Amino acid sequence: MSDSPDKVVADKIVSEFREKGLIREDRVEDFTRRLSSGNLSVEDWKLMAELAIEETEGSKNAQQD
């Protein structure tokens, strides 16, 4: 069984997000599933961005220490 077109597009989007550090690894599977099914709200997008920013800032602070 091949992936649906929605799943293929979601995988490509998530791949780009991962490459740029815009999504946490522990969120990838759930985010991909919800993106491909069209079940992401504005709040979901905001949360994803906030978590990515938090992780990025945490990495920067760890490197400075």
PDB file of N, CA and C in Angstrom:
ATOM      1  N   MET A   1       0.851  -1.180   0.000  1.00  0.00           N
ATOM      2  CA  MET A   1       0.000   0.000   0.000  1.00  0.00           C
ATOM      3  C   MET A   1       0.897   1.244   0.000  1.00  0.00           C
ATOM      4  N   SER A   2       0.647   2.141  -0.916  1.00  0.00           N
ATOM      5  CA  SER A   2       1.451   3.360  -0.988  1.00  0.00           C
ATOM      6  C   SER A   2       0.813   4.475  -0.163  1.00  0.00           C
ATOM      7  N   ASP A   3       1.644   5.449   0.180  1.00  0.00           N
ATOM      8  CA  ASP A   3       1.162   6.574   0.979  1.00  0.00           C
ATOM      9  C   ASP A   3       0.225   7.445   0.157  1.00  0.00           C
ATOM     10  N   SER A   4      -0.696   8.089   0.851  1.00  0.00           N
ATOM     11  CA  SER A   4      -1.607   9.029   0.198  1.00  0.00           C
ATOM     12  C   SER A   4      -0.829  10.274  -0.214  1.00  0.00           C
ATOM     13  N   PRO A   5      -1.343  11.029  -1.181  1.00  0.00           N
ATOM     14  CA  PRO A   5      -0.671  12.282  -1.547  1.00  0.00           C
ATOM     15  C   PRO A   5      -0.513  13.222  -0.358  1.00  0.00           C
ATOM     16  N   ASP A   6      -1.495  13.255   0.524  1.00  0.00           N
ATOM     17  CA  ASP A   6      -1.408  14.109   1.709  1.00  0.00           C
ATOM     18  C   ASP A   6      -0.242  13.693   2.603  1.00  0.00           C
ATOM     19  N   LYS A   7      -0.037  12.400   2.757  1.00  0.00           N
ATOM     20  CA  LYS A   7       1.063  11.887   3.584  1.00  0.00           C
ATOM     21  C   LYS A   7       2.408  12.207   2.938  1.00  0.00           C
ATOM     22  N   VAL A   8       2.495  12.085   1.626  1.00  0.00           N
ATOM     23  CA  VAL A   8       3.740  12.384   0.917  1.00  0.00           C
ATOM     24  C   VAL A   8       4.116  13.849   1.121  1.00  0.00           C
ATOM     25  N   VAL A   9       3.146  14.744   0.981  1.00  0.00           N
ATOM     26  CA  VAL A   9       3.406  16.182   1.173  1.00  0.00           C
ATOM     27  C   VAL A   9       3.773  16.462   2.626  1.00  0.00           C
ATOM     28  N   ALA A  10       3.055  15.867   3.554  1.00  0.00           N
ATOM     29  CA  ALA A  10       3.349  16.062   4.979  1.00  0.00           C
ATOM     30  C   ALA A  10       4.769  15.597   5.300  1.00  0.00           C
ATOM     31  N   ASP A  11       5.175  14.466   4.747  1.00  0.00           N
ATOM     32  CA  ASP A  11       6.535  13.963   4.982  1.00  0.00           C
ATOM     33  C   ASP A  11       7.580  14.947   4.468  1.00  0.00           C
ATOM     34  N   LYS A  12       7.333  15.547   3.320  1.00  0.00           N
ATOM     35  CA  LYS A  12       8.284  16.511   2.759  1.00  0.00           C
ATOM     36  C   LYS A  12       8.363  17.763   3.626  1.00  0.00           C
ATOM     37  N   ILE A  13       7.226  18.239   4.080  1.00  0.00           N
ATOM     38  CA  ILE A  13       7.201  19.423   4.943  1.00  0.00           C
ATOM     39  C   ILE A  13       7.951  19.141   6.243  1.00  0.00           C
ATOM     40  N   VAL A  14       7.649  18.018   6.860  1.00  0.00           N
ATOM     41  CA  VAL A  14       8.290  17.668   8.124  1.00  0.00           C
ATOM     42  C   VAL A  14       9.789  17.460   7.929  1.00  0.00           C
ATOM     43  N   SER A  15      10.176  16.894   6.814  1.00  0.00           N
ATOM     44  CA  SER A  15      11.600  16.724   6.519  1.00  0.00           C
ATOM     45  C   SER A  15      12.316  18.073   6.491  1.00  0.00           C
ATOM     46  N   GLU A  16      11.718  19.052   5.858  1.00  0.00           N
ATOM     47  CA  GLU A  16      12.298  20.403   5.817  1.00  0.00           C
ATOM     48  C   GLU A  16      12.342  21.020   7.208  1.00  0.00           C
ATOM     49  N   PHE A  17      11.267  20.841   7.965  1.00  0.00           N
ATOM     50  CA  PHE A  17      11.231  21.370   9.331  1.00  0.00           C
ATOM     51  C   PHE A  17      12.346  20.749  10.172  1.00  0.00           C
ATOM     52  N   ARG A  18      12.535  19.439  10.037  1.00  0.00           N
ATOM     53  CA  ARG A  18      13.576  18.750  10.804  1.00  0.00           C
ATOM     54  C   ARG A  18      14.949  19.266  10.417  1.00  0.00           C
ATOM     55  N   GLU A  19      15.173  19.429   9.135  1.00  0.00           N
ATOM     56  CA  GLU A  19      16.463  19.898   8.633  1.00  0.00           C
ATOM     57  C   GLU A  19      16.811  21.275   9.184  1.00  0.00           C
ATOM     58  N   LYS A  20      15.795  22.118   9.348  1.00  0.00           N
ATOM     59  CA  LYS A  20      16.016  23.483   9.805  1.00  0.00           C
ATOM     60  C   LYS A  20      15.848  23.630  11.319  1.00  0.00           C
ATOM     61  N   GLY A  21      15.590  22.521  12.006  1.00  0.00           N
ATOM     62  CA  GLY A  21      15.449  22.558  13.451  1.00  0.00           C
ATOM     63  C   GLY A  21      14.162  23.214  13.923  1.00  0.00           C
ATOM     64  N   LEU A  22      13.111  23.100  13.110  1.00  0.00           N
ATOM     65  CA  LEU A  22      11.844  23.753  13.442  1.00  0.00           C
ATOM     66  C   LEU A  22      10.824  22.820  14.083  1.00  0.00           C
ATOM     67  N   ILE A  23      11.232  21.586  14.319  1.00  0.00           N
ATOM     68  CA  ILE A  23      10.329  20.656  14.983  1.00  0.00           C
ATOM     69  C   ILE A  23      11.160  19.732  15.868  1.00  0.00           C
ATOM     70  N   ARG A  24      10.649  19.464  17.025  1.00  0.00           N
ATOM     71  CA  ARG A  24      11.348  18.563  17.937  1.00  0.00           C
ATOM     72  C   ARG A  24      11.132  17.132  17.489  1.00  0.00           C
ATOM     73  N   GLU A  25      12.149  16.311  17.682  1.00  0.00           N
ATOM     74  CA  GLU A  25      12.086  14.909  17.246  1.00  0.00           C
ATOM     75  C   GLU A  25      10.939  14.147  17.910  1.00  0.00           C
ATOM     76  N   ASP A  26      10.646  14.478  19.154  1.00  0.00           N
ATOM     77  CA  ASP A  26       9.579  13.756  19.839  1.00  0.00           C
ATOM     78  C   ASP A  26       8.187  14.151  19.343  1.00  0.00           C
ATOM     79  N   ARG A  27       8.106  15.140  18.468  1.00  0.00           N
ATOM     80  CA  ARG A  27       6.829  15.589  17.916  1.00  0.00           C
ATOM     81  C   ARG A  27       6.615  15.178  16.460  1.00  0.00           C
ATOM     82  N   VAL A  28       7.640  14.629  15.834  1.00  0.00           N
ATOM     83  CA  VAL A  28       7.597  14.369  14.392  1.00  0.00           C
ATOM     84  C   VAL A  28       6.445  13.450  13.991  1.00  0.00           C
ATOM     85  N   GLU A  29       6.329  12.306  14.628  1.00  0.00           N
ATOM     86  CA  GLU A  29       5.320  11.325  14.227  1.00  0.00           C
ATOM     87  C   GLU A  29       3.901  11.884  14.362  1.00  0.00           C
ATOM     88  N   ASP A  30       3.605  12.462  15.512  1.00  0.00           N
ATOM     89  CA  ASP A  30       2.267  13.010  15.738  1.00  0.00           C
ATOM     90  C   ASP A  30       1.984  14.173  14.788  1.00  0.00           C
ATOM     91  N   PHE A  31       2.959  15.045  14.612  1.00  0.00           N
ATOM     92  CA  PHE A  31       2.780  16.194  13.739  1.00  0.00           C
ATOM     93  C   PHE A  31       2.535  15.748  12.297  1.00  0.00           C
ATOM     94  N   THR A  32       3.310  14.777  11.831  1.00  0.00           N
ATOM     95  CA  THR A  32       3.148  14.275  10.465  1.00  0.00           C
ATOM     96  C   THR A  32       1.756  13.692  10.271  1.00  0.00           C
ATOM     97  N   ARG A  33       1.326  12.893  11.223  1.00  0.00           N
ATOM     98  CA  ARG A  33      -0.002  12.269  11.133  1.00  0.00           C
ATOM     99  C   ARG A  33      -1.102  13.324  11.093  1.00  0.00           C
ATOM    100  N   ARG A  34      -1.002  14.299  11.985  1.00  0.00           N
ATOM    101  CA  ARG A  34      -2.043  15.326  12.052  1.00  0.00           C
ATOM    102  C   ARG A  34      -1.987  16.270  10.853  1.00  0.00           C
ATOM    103  N   LEU A  35      -0.798  16.554  10.360  1.00  0.00           N
ATOM    104  CA  LEU A  35      -0.659  17.404   9.179  1.00  0.00           C
ATOM    105  C   LEU A  35      -1.269  16.717   7.959  1.00  0.00           C
ATOM    106  N   SER A  36      -0.966  15.455   7.769  1.00  0.00           N
ATOM    107  CA  SER A  36      -1.475  14.745   6.598  1.00  0.00           C
ATOM    108  C   SER A  36      -2.983  14.534   6.645  1.00  0.00           C
ATOM    109  N   SER A  37      -3.555  14.548   7.847  1.00  0.00           N
ATOM    110  CA  SER A  37      -5.003  14.385   7.962  1.00  0.00           C
ATOM    111  C   SER A  37      -5.745  15.721   8.029  1.00  0.00           C
ATOM    112  N   GLY A  38      -4.983  16.817   8.045  1.00  0.00           N
ATOM    113  CA  GLY A  38      -5.607  18.147   8.077  1.00  0.00           C
ATOM    114  C   GLY A  38      -6.149  18.531   9.438  1.00  0.00           C
ATOM    115  N   ASN A  39      -5.583  17.941  10.487  1.00  0.00           N
ATOM    116  CA  ASN A  39      -6.095  18.175  11.840  1.00  0.00           C
ATOM    117  C   ASN A  39      -5.182  19.021  12.713  1.00  0.00           C
ATOM    118  N   LEU A  40      -4.495  19.989  12.129  1.00  0.00           N
ATOM    119  CA  LEU A  40      -3.672  20.892  12.920  1.00  0.00           C
ATOM    120  C   LEU A  40      -4.368  22.241  13.046  1.00  0.00           C
ATOM    121  N   SER A  41      -4.420  22.731  14.254  1.00  0.00           N
ATOM    122  CA  SER A  41      -5.031  24.039  14.504  1.00  0.00           C
ATOM    123  C   SER A  41      -3.945  25.112  14.556  1.00  0.00           C
ATOM    124  N   VAL A  42      -4.370  26.342  14.622  1.00  0.00           N
ATOM    125  CA  VAL A  42      -3.434  27.460  14.779  1.00  0.00           C
ATOM    126  C   VAL A  42      -2.615  27.265  16.056  1.00  0.00           C
ATOM    127  N   GLU A  43      -3.264  26.800  17.099  1.00  0.00           N
ATOM    128  CA  GLU A  43      -2.583  26.577  18.367  1.00  0.00           C
ATOM    129  C   GLU A  43      -1.503  25.504  18.231  1.00  0.00           C
ATOM    130  N   ASP A  44      -1.771  24.470  17.430  1.00  0.00           N
ATOM    131  CA  ASP A  44      -0.771  23.426  17.206  1.00  0.00           C
ATOM    132  C   ASP A  44       0.475  23.998  16.532  1.00  0.00           C
ATOM    133  N   TRP A  45       0.273  24.837  15.526  1.00  0.00           N
ATOM    134  CA  TRP A  45       1.389  25.462  14.827  1.00  0.00           C
ATOM    135  C   TRP A  45       2.184  26.360  15.770  1.00  0.00           C
ATOM    136  N   LYS A  46       1.474  27.118  16.593  1.00  0.00           N
ATOM    137  CA  LYS A  46       2.148  28.009  17.544  1.00  0.00           C
ATOM    138  C   LYS A  46       2.953  27.208  18.558  1.00  0.00           C
ATOM    139  N   LEU A  47       2.377  26.126  19.056  1.00  0.00           N
ATOM    140  CA  LEU A  47       3.074  25.284  20.023  1.00  0.00           C
ATOM    141  C   LEU A  47       4.340  24.701  19.402  1.00  0.00           C
ATOM    142  N   MET A  48       4.237  24.213  18.174  1.00  0.00           N
ATOM    143  CA  MET A  48       5.397  23.649  17.503  1.00  0.00           C
ATOM    144  C   MET A  48       6.508  24.692  17.389  1.00  0.00           C
ATOM    145  N   ALA A  49       6.144  25.901  17.014  1.00  0.00           N
ATOM    146  CA  ALA A  49       7.134  26.971  16.882  1.00  0.00           C
ATOM    147  C   ALA A  49       7.745  27.317  18.232  1.00  0.00           C
ATOM    148  N   GLU A  50       6.924  27.420  19.259  1.00  0.00           N
ATOM    149  CA  GLU A  50       7.430  27.756  20.592  1.00  0.00           C
ATOM    150  C   GLU A  50       8.382  26.683  21.116  1.00  0.00           C
ATOM    151  N   LEU A  51       8.041  25.418  20.905  1.00  0.00           N
ATOM    152  CA  LEU A  51       8.909  24.333  21.361  1.00  0.00           C
ATOM    153  C   LEU A  51      10.233  24.321  20.606  1.00  0.00           C
ATOM    154  N   ALA A  52      10.182  24.596  19.317  1.00  0.00           N
ATOM    155  CA  ALA A  52      11.409  24.640  18.516  1.00  0.00           C
ATOM    156  C   ALA A  52      12.302  25.793  18.966  1.00  0.00           C
ATOM    157  N   ILE A  53      11.698  26.949  19.239  1.00  0.00           N
ATOM    158  CA  ILE A  53      12.459  28.104  19.706  1.00  0.00           C
ATOM    159  C   ILE A  53      13.081  27.803  21.067  1.00  0.00           C
ATOM    160  N   GLU A  54      12.293  27.211  21.944  1.00  0.00           N
ATOM    161  CA  GLU A  54      12.783  26.852  23.274  1.00  0.00           C
ATOM    162  C   GLU A  54      13.972  25.899  23.173  1.00  0.00           C
ATOM    163  N   GLU A  55      13.863  24.908  22.298  1.00  0.00           N
ATOM    164  CA  GLU A  55      14.948  23.936  22.132  1.00  0.00           C
ATOM    165  C   GLU A  55      16.192  24.609  21.551  1.00  0.00           C
ATOM    166  N   THR A  56      15.999  25.503  20.587  1.00  0.00           N
ATOM    167  CA  THR A  56      17.114  26.213  19.971  1.00  0.00           C
ATOM    168  C   THR A  56      17.825  27.093  20.992  1.00  0.00           C
ATOM    169  N   GLU A  57      17.051  27.804  21.785  1.00  0.00           N
ATOM    170  CA  GLU A  57      17.644  28.663  22.819  1.00  0.00           C
ATOM    171  C   GLU A  57      18.361  27.831  23.870  1.00  0.00           C
ATOM    172  N   GLY A  58      17.819  26.683  24.195  1.00  0.00           N
ATOM    173  CA  GLY A  58      18.466  25.796  25.157  1.00  0.00           C
ATOM    174  C   GLY A  58      19.796  25.295  24.631  1.00  0.00           C
ATOM    175  N   SER A  59      19.836  24.990  23.340  1.00  0.00           N
ATOM    176  CA  SER A  59      21.095  24.535  22.721  1.00  0.00           C
ATOM    177  C   SER A  59      22.132  25.644  22.716  1.00  0.00           C
ATOM    178  N   LYS A  60      21.705  26.857  22.418  1.00  0.00           N
ATOM    179  CA  LYS A  60      22.628  28.004  22.411  1.00  0.00           C
ATOM    180  C   LYS A  60      23.195  28.236  23.801  1.00  0.00           C
ATOM    181  N   ASN A  61      22.339  28.170  24.814  1.00  0.00           N
ATOM    182  CA  ASN A  61      22.793  28.390  26.186  1.00  0.00           C
ATOM    183  C   ASN A  61      23.754  27.300  26.626  1.00  0.00           C
ATOM    184  N   ALA A  62      23.510  26.064  26.226  1.00  0.00           N
ATOM    185  CA  ALA A  62      24.388  24.964  26.588  1.00  0.00           C
ATOM    186  C   ALA A  62      25.753  25.124  25.950  1.00  0.00           C
ATOM    187  N   GLN A  63      25.797  25.655  24.742  1.00  0.00           N
ATOM    188  CA  GLN A  63      27.067  25.854  24.055  1.00  0.00           C
ATOM    189  C   GLN A  63      27.882  26.977  24.698  1.00  0.00           C
ATOM    190  N   GLN A  64      27.196  27.963  25.260  1.00  0.00           N
ATOM    191  CA  GLN A  64      27.886  29.089  25.879  1.00  0.00           C
ATOM    192  C   GLN A  64      28.493  28.720  27.217  1.00  0.00           C
ATOM    193  N   ASP A  65      27.919  27.736  27.880  1.00  0.00           N
ATOM    194  CA  ASP A  65      28.399  27.347  29.227  1.00  0.00           C
ATOM    195  C   ASP A  65      29.668  26.604  29.191  1.00  0.00           C
TER     196      ASP A  65
END
